């Protein structure tokens, strides 16, 4: 019963994340959706590890722990990159409007 609940939860989280990645237009929304998908994969790996008849296997747990560390660091890097791109875009908009020129094709 609990195995089916965890498997359903992992599949639902992955499906919701995939839907958001495909539908949403904002980059931050897509980044968060990818994190939801990664969380679903981590949950599934822990579920597979717990179902081992010989006892709990340490290798999937180590993979999940490594994946969490990598996901957090990549999320921080992506958020910093998005913030930098947003600031550069805002600066470009301000300099274009101060010169009296319009941005875009002539």
PDB file of N, CA and C in Angstrom:
ATOM      1  N   UNK A   1       0.829  -1.193   0.000  1.00  0.00           N
ATOM      2  CA  UNK A   1       0.000   0.000   0.000  1.00  0.00           C
ATOM      3  C   UNK A   1       0.876   1.260   0.000  1.00  0.00           C
ATOM      4  N   UNK A   2       1.845   1.326   0.900  1.00  0.00           N
ATOM      5  CA  UNK A   2       2.670   2.531   0.949  1.00  0.00           C
ATOM      6  C   UNK A   2       3.586   2.638  -0.269  1.00  0.00           C
ATOM      7  N   UNK A   3       3.996   1.500  -0.814  1.00  0.00           N
ATOM      8  CA  UNK A   3       4.832   1.524  -2.016  1.00  0.00           C
ATOM      9  C   UNK A   3       4.054   2.152  -3.169  1.00  0.00           C
ATOM     10  N   UNK A   4       2.800   1.755  -3.301  1.00  0.00           N
ATOM     11  CA  UNK A   4       1.963   2.304  -4.365  1.00  0.00           C
ATOM     12  C   UNK A   4       1.719   3.802  -4.164  1.00  0.00           C
ATOM     13  N   UNK A   5       1.567   4.223  -2.923  1.00  0.00           N
ATOM     14  CA  UNK A   5       1.370   5.640  -2.621  1.00  0.00           C
ATOM     15  C   UNK A   5       2.602   6.458  -3.011  1.00  0.00           C
ATOM     16  N   UNK A   6       3.794   5.966  -2.643  1.00  0.00           N
ATOM     17  CA  UNK A   6       5.020   6.673  -2.995  1.00  0.00           C
ATOM     18  C   UNK A   6       5.255   6.675  -4.497  1.00  0.00           C
ATOM     19  N   UNK A   7       4.971   5.563  -5.150  1.00  0.00           N
ATOM     20  CA  UNK A   7       5.146   5.494  -6.602  1.00  0.00           C
ATOM     21  C   UNK A   7       4.180   6.444  -7.309  1.00  0.00           C
ATOM     22  N   UNK A   8       2.955   6.505  -6.843  1.00  0.00           N
ATOM     23  CA  UNK A   8       1.973   7.421  -7.420  1.00  0.00           C
ATOM     24  C   UNK A   8       2.373   8.868  -7.180  1.00  0.00           C
ATOM     25  N   UNK A   9       2.870   9.157  -5.989  1.00  0.00           N
ATOM     26  CA  UNK A   9       3.317  10.510  -5.678  1.00  0.00           C
ATOM     27  C   UNK A   9       4.493  10.911  -6.569  1.00  0.00           C
ATOM     28  N   UNK A  10       5.442  10.013  -6.751  1.00  0.00           N
ATOM     29  CA  UNK A  10       6.591  10.313  -7.609  1.00  0.00           C
ATOM     30  C   UNK A  10       6.148  10.539  -9.051  1.00  0.00           C
ATOM     31  N   UNK A  11       5.257   9.707  -9.546  1.00  0.00           N
ATOM     32  CA  UNK A  11       4.775   9.864 -10.923  1.00  0.00           C
ATOM     33  C   UNK A  11       3.987  11.162 -11.089  1.00  0.00           C
ATOM     34  N   UNK A  12       3.176  11.505 -10.098  1.00  0.00           N
ATOM     35  CA  UNK A  12       2.394  12.736 -10.161  1.00  0.00           C
ATOM     36  C   UNK A  12       3.300  13.962 -10.129  1.00  0.00           C
ATOM     37  N   UNK A  13       4.285  13.952  -9.240  1.00  0.00           N
ATOM     38  CA  UNK A  13       5.220  15.080  -9.176  1.00  0.00           C
ATOM     39  C   UNK A  13       5.988  15.238 -10.491  1.00  0.00           C
ATOM     40  N   UNK A  14       6.419  14.119 -11.055  1.00  0.00           N
ATOM     41  CA  UNK A  14       7.144  14.190 -12.317  1.00  0.00           C
ATOM     42  C   UNK A  14       6.250  14.720 -13.434  1.00  0.00           C
ATOM     43  N   UNK A  15       5.010  14.257 -13.483  1.00  0.00           N
ATOM     44  CA  UNK A  15       4.082  14.712 -14.520  1.00  0.00           C
ATOM     45  C   UNK A  15       3.769  16.205 -14.367  1.00  0.00           C
ATOM     46  N   UNK A  16       3.569  16.662 -13.145  1.00  0.00           N
ATOM     47  CA  UNK A  16       3.309  18.083 -12.920  1.00  0.00           C
ATOM     48  C   UNK A  16       4.517  18.934 -13.308  1.00  0.00           C
ATOM     49  N   UNK A  17       5.706  18.462 -12.960  1.00  0.00           N
ATOM     50  CA  UNK A  17       6.906  19.199 -13.343  1.00  0.00           C
ATOM     51  C   UNK A  17       7.091  19.249 -14.848  1.00  0.00           C
ATOM     52  N   UNK A  18       6.859  18.137 -15.517  1.00  0.00           N
ATOM     53  CA  UNK A  18       6.982  18.088 -16.970  1.00  0.00           C
ATOM     54  C   UNK A  18       5.960  19.001 -17.634  1.00  0.00           C
ATOM     55  N   UNK A  19       4.745  19.005 -17.124  1.00  0.00           N
ATOM     56  CA  UNK A  19       3.703  19.886 -17.652  1.00  0.00           C
ATOM     57  C   UNK A  19       4.115  21.349 -17.502  1.00  0.00           C
ATOM     58  N   UNK A  20       4.640  21.707 -16.342  1.00  0.00           N
ATOM     59  CA  UNK A  20       5.048  23.091 -16.112  1.00  0.00           C
ATOM     60  C   UNK A  20       6.228  23.481 -16.992  1.00  0.00           C
ATOM     61  N   UNK A  21       7.162  22.561 -17.208  1.00  0.00           N
ATOM     62  CA  UNK A  21       8.293  22.867 -18.086  1.00  0.00           C
ATOM     63  C   UNK A  21       7.809  23.131 -19.512  1.00  0.00           C
ATOM     64  N   UNK A  22       6.820  22.370 -19.959  1.00  0.00           N
ATOM     65  CA  UNK A  22       6.333  22.517 -21.325  1.00  0.00           C
ATOM     66  C   UNK A  22       5.401  23.710 -21.505  1.00  0.00           C
ATOM     67  N   UNK A  23       4.643  24.073 -20.471  1.00  0.00           N
ATOM     68  CA  UNK A  23       3.609  25.092 -20.618  1.00  0.00           C
ATOM     69  C   UNK A  23       4.076  26.484 -20.193  1.00  0.00           C
ATOM     70  N   UNK A  24       4.798  26.574 -19.111  1.00  0.00           N
ATOM     71  CA  UNK A  24       5.188  27.883 -18.568  1.00  0.00           C
ATOM     72  C   UNK A  24       6.199  28.570 -19.466  1.00  0.00           C
ATOM     73  N   UNK A  25       6.123  29.898 -19.506  1.00  0.00           N
ATOM     74  CA  UNK A  25       7.046  30.665 -20.331  1.00  0.00           C
ATOM     75  C   UNK A  25       8.163  31.306 -19.517  1.00  0.00           C
ATOM     76  N   UNK A  26       7.946  31.536 -18.236  1.00  0.00           N
ATOM     77  CA  UNK A  26       8.962  32.163 -17.405  1.00  0.00           C
ATOM     78  C   UNK A  26      10.095  31.208 -17.086  1.00  0.00           C
ATOM     79  N   UNK A  27      11.309  31.731 -17.117  1.00  0.00           N
ATOM     80  CA  UNK A  27      12.469  30.877 -16.874  1.00  0.00           C
ATOM     81  C   UNK A  27      12.532  30.392 -15.426  1.00  0.00           C
ATOM     82  N   UNK A  28      12.139  31.238 -14.485  1.00  0.00           N
ATOM     83  CA  UNK A  28      12.158  30.818 -13.082  1.00  0.00           C
ATOM     84  C   UNK A  28      11.113  29.721 -12.846  1.00  0.00           C
ATOM     85  N   UNK A  29       9.961  29.848 -13.481  1.00  0.00           N
ATOM     86  CA  UNK A  29       8.943  28.799 -13.357  1.00  0.00           C
ATOM     87  C   UNK A  29       9.451  27.474 -13.918  1.00  0.00           C
ATOM     88  N   UNK A  30      10.144  27.542 -15.029  1.00  0.00           N
ATOM     89  CA  UNK A  30      10.691  26.318 -15.622  1.00  0.00           C
ATOM     90  C   UNK A  30      11.781  25.713 -14.754  1.00  0.00           C
ATOM     91  N   UNK A  31      12.583  26.558 -14.140  1.00  0.00           N
ATOM     92  CA  UNK A  31      13.626  26.071 -13.242  1.00  0.00           C
ATOM     93  C   UNK A  31      13.014  25.366 -12.029  1.00  0.00           C
ATOM     94  N   UNK A  32      11.993  25.961 -11.454  1.00  0.00           N
ATOM     95  CA  UNK A  32      11.317  25.333 -10.314  1.00  0.00           C
ATOM     96  C   UNK A  32      10.624  24.031 -10.733  1.00  0.00           C
ATOM     97  N   UNK A  33      10.070  24.008 -11.928  1.00  0.00           N
ATOM     98  CA  UNK A  33       9.433  22.778 -12.415  1.00  0.00           C
ATOM     99  C   UNK A  33      10.465  21.670 -12.606  1.00  0.00           C
ATOM    100  N   UNK A  34      11.638  22.021 -13.084  1.00  0.00           N
ATOM    101  CA  UNK A  34      12.696  21.023 -13.225  1.00  0.00           C
ATOM    102  C   UNK A  34      13.126  20.504 -11.856  1.00  0.00           C
ATOM    103  N   UNK A  35      13.127  21.361 -10.843  1.00  0.00           N
ATOM    104  CA  UNK A  35      13.439  20.911  -9.487  1.00  0.00           C
ATOM    105  C   UNK A  35      12.379  19.961  -8.948  1.00  0.00           C
ATOM    106  N   UNK A  36      11.129  20.207  -9.284  1.00  0.00           N
ATOM    107  CA  UNK A  36      10.056  19.292  -8.872  1.00  0.00           C
ATOM    108  C   UNK A  36      10.253  17.933  -9.540  1.00  0.00           C
ATOM    109  N   UNK A  37      10.645  17.942 -10.808  1.00  0.00           N
ATOM    110  CA  UNK A  37      10.900  16.688 -11.501  1.00  0.00           C
ATOM    111  C   UNK A  37      12.074  15.938 -10.869  1.00  0.00           C
ATOM    112  N   UNK A  38      13.109  16.667 -10.491  1.00  0.00           N
ATOM    113  CA  UNK A  38      14.260  16.027  -9.843  1.00  0.00           C
ATOM    114  C   UNK A  38      13.855  15.428  -8.498  1.00  0.00           C
ATOM    115  N   UNK A  39      13.001  16.105  -7.774  1.00  0.00           N
ATOM    116  CA  UNK A  39      12.520  15.582  -6.500  1.00  0.00           C
ATOM    117  C   UNK A  39      11.740  14.284  -6.702  1.00  0.00           C
ATOM    118  N   UNK A  40      10.975  14.221  -7.773  1.00  0.00           N
ATOM    119  CA  UNK A  40      10.232  12.993  -8.071  1.00  0.00           C
ATOM    120  C   UNK A  40      11.186  11.843  -8.382  1.00  0.00           C
ATOM    121  N   UNK A  41      12.250  12.126  -9.091  1.00  0.00           N
ATOM    122  CA  UNK A  41      13.244  11.082  -9.398  1.00  0.00           C
ATOM    123  C   UNK A  41      13.927  10.613  -8.119  1.00  0.00           C
ATOM    124  N   UNK A  42      14.255  11.551  -7.229  1.00  0.00           N
ATOM    125  CA  UNK A  42      14.879  11.183  -5.958  1.00  0.00           C
ATOM    126  C   UNK A  42      13.945  10.301  -5.139  1.00  0.00           C
ATOM    127  N   UNK A  43      12.667  10.659  -5.105  1.00  0.00           N
ATOM    128  CA  UNK A  43      11.688   9.855  -4.370  1.00  0.00           C
ATOM    129  C   UNK A  43      11.588   8.456  -4.953  1.00  0.00           C
ATOM    130  N   UNK A  44      11.603   8.353  -6.272  1.00  0.00           N
ATOM    131  CA  UNK A  44      11.529   7.040  -6.911  1.00  0.00           C
ATOM    132  C   UNK A  44      12.769   6.201  -6.618  1.00  0.00           C
ATOM    133  N   UNK A  45      13.949   6.825  -6.637  1.00  0.00           N
ATOM    134  CA  UNK A  45      15.172   6.077  -6.328  1.00  0.00           C
ATOM    135  C   UNK A  45      15.177   5.568  -4.888  1.00  0.00           C
ATOM    136  N   UNK A  46      14.700   6.363  -3.968  1.00  0.00           N
ATOM    137  CA  UNK A  46      14.598   5.909  -2.571  1.00  0.00           C
ATOM    138  C   UNK A  46      13.591   4.774  -2.464  1.00  0.00           C
ATOM    139  N   UNK A  47      12.507   4.858  -3.214  1.00  0.00           N
ATOM    140  CA  UNK A  47      11.509   3.789  -3.213  1.00  0.00           C
ATOM    141  C   UNK A  47      12.112   2.487  -3.740  1.00  0.00           C
ATOM    142  N   UNK A  48      12.868   2.558  -4.812  1.00  0.00           N
ATOM    143  CA  UNK A  48      13.504   1.364  -5.370  1.00  0.00           C
ATOM    144  C   UNK A  48      14.514   0.794  -4.376  1.00  0.00           C
ATOM    145  N   UNK A  49      15.227   1.666  -3.710  1.00  0.00           N
ATOM    146  CA  UNK A  49      16.216   1.224  -2.727  1.00  0.00           C
ATOM    147  C   UNK A  49      15.553   0.516  -1.549  1.00  0.00           C
ATOM    148  N   UNK A  50      14.407   1.003  -1.124  1.00  0.00           N
ATOM    149  CA  UNK A  50      13.728   0.421   0.038  1.00  0.00           C
ATOM    150  C   UNK A  50      13.088  -0.922  -0.286  1.00  0.00           C
ATOM    151  N   UNK A  51      12.836  -1.186  -1.546  1.00  0.00           N
ATOM    152  CA  UNK A  51      12.167  -2.427  -1.941  1.00  0.00           C
ATOM    153  C   UNK A  51      13.123  -3.594  -2.113  1.00  0.00           C
ATOM    154  N   UNK A  52      14.395  -3.405  -1.854  1.00  0.00           N
ATOM    155  CA  UNK A  52      15.377  -4.465  -1.981  1.00  0.00           C
ATOM    156  C   UNK A  52      15.119  -5.531  -0.912  1.00  0.00           C
ATOM    157  N   UNK A  53      14.928  -6.811  -1.286  1.00  0.00           N
ATOM    158  CA  UNK A  53      14.620  -7.840  -0.285  1.00  0.00           C
ATOM    159  C   UNK A  53      15.797  -8.165   0.646  1.00  0.00           C
ATOM    160  N   UNK A  54      17.000  -7.812   0.242  1.00  0.00           N
ATOM    161  CA  UNK A  54      18.170  -8.102   1.070  1.00  0.00           C
ATOM    162  C   UNK A  54      18.440  -7.009   2.095  1.00  0.00           C
ATOM    163  N   UNK A  55      17.637  -5.997   2.132  1.00  0.00           N
ATOM    164  CA  UNK A  55      17.849  -4.873   3.036  1.00  0.00           C
ATOM    165  C   UNK A  55      18.036  -3.602   2.238  1.00  0.00           C
ATOM    166  N   UNK A  56      18.242  -2.522   2.923  1.00  0.00           N
ATOM    167  CA  UNK A  56      18.382  -1.235   2.263  1.00  0.00           C
ATOM    168  C   UNK A  56      19.745  -1.157   1.583  1.00  0.00           C
ATOM    169  N   UNK A  57      19.731  -0.787   0.315  1.00  0.00           N
ATOM    170  CA  UNK A  57      20.957  -0.664  -0.467  1.00  0.00           C
ATOM    171  C   UNK A  57      21.494   0.759  -0.335  1.00  0.00           C
ATOM    172  N   UNK A  58      22.755   0.886  -0.070  1.00  0.00           N
ATOM    173  CA  UNK A  58      23.341   2.199   0.179  1.00  0.00           C
ATOM    174  C   UNK A  58      23.670   2.960  -1.104  1.00  0.00           C
ATOM    175  N   UNK A  59      23.830   2.274  -2.214  1.00  0.00           N
ATOM    176  CA  UNK A  59      24.234   2.951  -3.446  1.00  0.00           C
ATOM    177  C   UNK A  59      23.156   3.902  -3.961  1.00  0.00           C
ATOM    178  N   UNK A  60      21.879   3.504  -4.054  1.00  0.00           N
ATOM    179  CA  UNK A  60      20.873   4.490  -4.479  1.00  0.00           C
ATOM    180  C   UNK A  60      20.741   5.660  -3.508  1.00  0.00           C
ATOM    181  N   UNK A  61      20.920   5.401  -2.225  1.00  0.00           N
ATOM    182  CA  UNK A  61      20.854   6.497  -1.270  1.00  0.00           C
ATOM    183  C   UNK A  61      22.006   7.466  -1.465  1.00  0.00           C
ATOM    184  N   UNK A  62      23.182   6.963  -1.755  1.00  0.00           N
ATOM    185  CA  UNK A  62      24.319   7.833  -2.040  1.00  0.00           C
ATOM    186  C   UNK A  62      24.097   8.618  -3.330  1.00  0.00           C
ATOM    187  N   UNK A  63      23.481   7.981  -4.326  1.00  0.00           N
ATOM    188  CA  UNK A  63      23.164   8.677  -5.570  1.00  0.00           C
ATOM    189  C   UNK A  63      22.166   9.804  -5.324  1.00  0.00           C
ATOM    190  N   UNK A  64      21.172   9.549  -4.488  1.00  0.00           N
ATOM    191  CA  UNK A  64      20.178  10.577  -4.188  1.00  0.00           C
ATOM    192  C   UNK A  64      20.822  11.735  -3.436  1.00  0.00           C
ATOM    193  N   UNK A  65      21.657  11.435  -2.469  1.00  0.00           N
ATOM    194  CA  UNK A  65      22.322  12.489  -1.718  1.00  0.00           C
ATOM    195  C   UNK A  65      23.218  13.333  -2.630  1.00  0.00           C
ATOM    196  N   UNK A  66      23.952  12.682  -3.509  1.00  0.00           N
ATOM    197  CA  UNK A  66      24.776  13.407  -4.472  1.00  0.00           C
ATOM    198  C   UNK A  66      23.906  14.228  -5.421  1.00  0.00           C
ATOM    199  N   UNK A  67      22.799  13.655  -5.859  1.00  0.00           N
ATOM    200  CA  UNK A  67      21.877  14.369  -6.746  1.00  0.00           C
ATOM    201  C   UNK A  67      21.278  15.596  -6.089  1.00  0.00           C
ATOM    202  N   UNK A  68      20.962  15.504  -4.799  1.00  0.00           N
ATOM    203  CA  UNK A  68      20.412  16.653  -4.089  1.00  0.00           C
ATOM    204  C   UNK A  68      21.437  17.774  -4.015  1.00  0.00           C
ATOM    205  N   UNK A  69      22.676  17.436  -3.713  1.00  0.00           N
ATOM    206  CA  UNK A  69      23.732  18.450  -3.644  1.00  0.00           C
ATOM    207  C   UNK A  69      23.931  19.107  -5.001  1.00  0.00           C
ATOM    208  N   UNK A  70      23.954  18.312  -6.055  1.00  0.00           N
ATOM    209  CA  UNK A  70      24.127  18.861  -7.399  1.00  0.00           C
ATOM    210  C   UNK A  70      22.926  19.713  -7.793  1.00  0.00           C
ATOM    211  N   UNK A  71      21.712  19.272  -7.467  1.00  0.00           N
ATOM    212  CA  UNK A  71      20.511  20.031  -7.805  1.00  0.00           C
ATOM    213  C   UNK A  71      20.481  21.381  -7.098  1.00  0.00           C
ATOM    214  N   UNK A  72      20.871  21.400  -5.833  1.00  0.00           N
ATOM    215  CA  UNK A  72      20.889  22.668  -5.091  1.00  0.00           C
ATOM    216  C   UNK A  72      21.921  23.617  -5.680  1.00  0.00           C
ATOM    217  N   UNK A  73      23.104  23.106  -5.995  1.00  0.00           N
ATOM    218  CA  UNK A  73      24.137  23.981  -6.544  1.00  0.00           C
ATOM    219  C   UNK A  73      23.773  24.480  -7.948  1.00  0.00           C
ATOM    220  N   UNK A  74      23.195  23.628  -8.774  1.00  0.00           N
ATOM    221  CA  UNK A  74      22.778  24.071 -10.105  1.00  0.00           C
ATOM    222  C   UNK A  74      21.615  25.053 -10.030  1.00  0.00           C
ATOM    223  N   UNK A  75      20.730  24.873  -9.085  1.00  0.00           N
ATOM    224  CA  UNK A  75      19.628  25.816  -8.914  1.00  0.00           C
ATOM    225  C   UNK A  75      20.156  27.182  -8.492  1.00  0.00           C
ATOM    226  N   UNK A  76      21.100  27.198  -7.566  1.00  0.00           N
ATOM    227  CA  UNK A  76      21.693  28.469  -7.142  1.00  0.00           C
ATOM    228  C   UNK A  76      22.408  29.149  -8.308  1.00  0.00           C
ATOM    229  N   UNK A  77      23.147  28.380  -9.091  1.00  0.00           N
ATOM    230  CA  UNK A  77      23.840  28.941 -10.251  1.00  0.00           C
ATOM    231  C   UNK A  77      22.846  29.476 -11.277  1.00  0.00           C
ATOM    232  N   UNK A  78      21.790  28.724 -11.553  1.00  0.00           N
ATOM    233  CA  UNK A  78      20.799  29.158 -12.536  1.00  0.00           C
ATOM    234  C   UNK A  78      20.065  30.411 -12.073  1.00  0.00           C
ATOM    235  N   UNK A  79      19.739  30.488 -10.788  1.00  0.00           N
ATOM    236  CA  UNK A  79      19.082  31.692 -10.278  1.00  0.00           C
ATOM    237  C   UNK A  79      19.998  32.905 -10.359  1.00  0.00           C
ATOM    238  N   UNK A  80      21.277  32.731 -10.061  1.00  0.00           N
ATOM    239  CA  UNK A  80      22.223  33.838 -10.189  1.00  0.00           C
ATOM    240  C   UNK A  80      22.358  34.271 -11.643  1.00  0.00           C
ATOM    241  N   UNK A  81      22.395  33.305 -12.553  1.00  0.00           N
ATOM    242  CA  UNK A  81      22.488  33.621 -13.976  1.00  0.00           C
ATOM    243  C   UNK A  81      21.238  34.348 -14.455  1.00  0.00           C
ATOM    244  N   UNK A  82      20.061  33.893 -14.034  1.00  0.00           N
ATOM    245  CA  UNK A  82      18.826  34.568 -14.416  1.00  0.00           C
ATOM    246  C   UNK A  82      18.770  35.988 -13.864  1.00  0.00           C
ATOM    247  N   UNK A  83      19.250  36.162 -12.652  1.00  0.00           N
ATOM    248  CA  UNK A  83      19.277  37.507 -12.055  1.00  0.00           C
ATOM    249  C   UNK A  83      20.219  38.410 -12.846  1.00  0.00           C
ATOM    250  N   UNK A  84      21.371  37.911 -13.238  1.00  0.00           N
ATOM    251  CA  UNK A  84      22.320  38.685 -14.029  1.00  0.00           C
ATOM    252  C   UNK A  84      21.718  39.057 -15.386  1.00  0.00           C
ATOM    253  N   UNK A  85      21.061  38.107 -16.045  1.00  0.00           N
ATOM    254  CA  UNK A  85      20.454  38.381 -17.345  1.00  0.00           C
ATOM    255  C   UNK A  85      19.329  39.398 -17.233  1.00  0.00           C
ATOM    256  N   UNK A  86      18.558  39.312 -16.164  1.00  0.00           N
ATOM    257  CA  UNK A  86      17.480  40.277 -15.949  1.00  0.00           C
ATOM    258  C   UNK A  86      18.045  41.675 -15.725  1.00  0.00           C
ATOM    259  N   UNK A  87      19.130  41.776 -14.939  1.00  0.00           N
ATOM    260  CA  UNK A  87      19.747  43.079 -14.696  1.00  0.00           C
ATOM    261  C   UNK A  87      20.343  43.647 -15.988  1.00  0.00           C
ATOM    262  N   UNK A  88      20.942  42.801 -16.800  1.00  0.00           N
ATOM    263  CA  UNK A  88      21.504  43.268 -18.070  1.00  0.00           C
ATOM    264  C   UNK A  88      20.402  43.719 -19.013  1.00  0.00           C
ATOM    265  N   UNK A  89      19.284  43.022 -19.021  1.00  0.00           N
ATOM    266  CA  UNK A  89      18.161  43.407 -19.863  1.00  0.00           C
ATOM    267  C   UNK A  89      17.556  44.726 -19.398  1.00  0.00           C
ATOM    268  N   UNK A  90      17.431  44.904 -18.090  1.00  0.00           N
ATOM    269  CA  UNK A  90      16.907  46.159 -17.557  1.00  0.00           C
ATOM    270  C   UNK A  90      17.834  47.328 -17.878  1.00  0.00           C
ATOM    271  N   UNK A  91      19.148  47.100 -17.782  1.00  0.00           N
ATOM    272  CA  UNK A  91      20.123  48.144 -18.096  1.00  0.00           C
ATOM    273  C   UNK A  91      20.049  48.519 -19.569  1.00  0.00           C
ATOM    274  N   UNK A  92      19.877  47.523 -20.421  1.00  0.00           N
ATOM    275  CA  UNK A  92      19.765  47.787 -21.857  1.00  0.00           C
ATOM    276  C   UNK A  92      18.505  48.582 -22.161  1.00  0.00           C
ATOM    277  N   UNK A  93      17.414  48.266 -21.491  1.00  0.00           N
ATOM    278  CA  UNK A  93      16.171  49.004 -21.699  1.00  0.00           C
ATOM    279  C   UNK A  93      16.313  50.456 -21.258  1.00  0.00           C
ATOM    280  N   UNK A  94      17.007  50.700 -20.158  1.00  0.00           N
ATOM    281  CA  UNK A  94      17.172  52.059 -19.654  1.00  0.00           C
ATOM    282  C   UNK A  94      18.068  52.886 -20.565  1.00  0.00           C
ATOM    283  N   UNK A  95      19.156  52.312 -21.043  1.00  0.00           N
ATOM    284  CA  UNK A  95      20.049  53.070 -21.919  1.00  0.00           C
ATOM    285  C   UNK A  95      19.398  53.334 -23.266  1.00  0.00           C
ATOM    286  N   UNK A  96      18.594  52.423 -23.755  1.00  0.00           N
ATOM    287  CA  UNK A  96      17.901  52.621 -25.024  1.00  0.00           C
ATOM    288  C   UNK A  96      16.857  53.710 -24.931  1.00  0.00           C
ATOM    289  N   UNK A  97      16.159  53.815 -23.812  1.00  0.00           N
ATOM    290  CA  UNK A  97      15.131  54.834 -23.666  1.00  0.00           C
ATOM    291  C   UNK A  97      15.741  56.197 -23.367  1.00  0.00           C
ATOM    292  N   UNK A  98      16.924  56.261 -22.760  1.00  0.00           N
ATOM    293  CA  UNK A  98      17.564  57.539 -22.472  1.00  0.00           C
ATOM    294  C   UNK A  98      18.128  58.177 -23.737  1.00  0.00           C
ATOM    295  N   UNK A  99      18.524  57.379 -24.698  1.00  0.00           N
ATOM    296  CA  UNK A  99      19.080  57.916 -25.942  1.00  0.00           C
ATOM    297  C   UNK A  99      17.992  58.413 -26.880  1.00  0.00           C
ATOM    298  N   UNK A 100      16.753  58.153 -26.578  1.00  0.00           N
ATOM    299  CA  UNK A 100      15.665  58.563 -27.440  1.00  0.00           C
ATOM    300  C   UNK A 100      15.415  57.587 -28.568  1.00  0.00           C
ATOM    301  N   UNK A 101      16.127  56.476 -28.554  1.00  0.00           N
ATOM    302  CA  UNK A 101      15.941  55.475 -29.595  1.00  0.00           C
ATOM    303  C   UNK A 101      14.960  54.417 -29.112  1.00  0.00           C
ATOM    304  N   UNK A 102      14.339  53.794 -30.051  1.00  0.00           N
ATOM    305  CA  UNK A 102      13.464  52.686 -29.726  1.00  0.00           C
ATOM    306  C   UNK A 102      14.232  51.396 -29.925  1.00  0.00           C
ATOM    307  N   UNK A 103      13.981  50.469 -29.038  1.00  0.00           N
ATOM    308  CA  UNK A 103      14.605  49.150 -29.201  1.00  0.00           C
ATOM    309  C   UNK A 103      13.816  48.360 -30.222  1.00  0.00           C
ATOM    310  N   UNK A 104      14.509  47.613 -31.022  1.00  0.00           N
ATOM    311  CA  UNK A 104      13.851  46.753 -31.990  1.00  0.00           C
ATOM    312  C   UNK A 104      14.291  47.089 -33.397  1.00  0.00           C
ATOM    313  N   UNK A 105      13.756  46.359 -34.353  1.00  0.00           N
ATOM    314  CA  UNK A 105      14.161  46.572 -35.753  1.00  0.00           C
ATOM    315  C   UNK A 105      13.622  47.893 -36.276  1.00  0.00           C
ATOM    316  N   UNK A 106      14.376  48.498 -37.191  1.00  0.00           N
ATOM    317  CA  UNK A 106      13.958  49.780 -37.787  1.00  0.00           C
ATOM    318  C   UNK A 106      13.182  49.563 -39.040  1.00  0.00           C
TER     319      UNK A 106
END
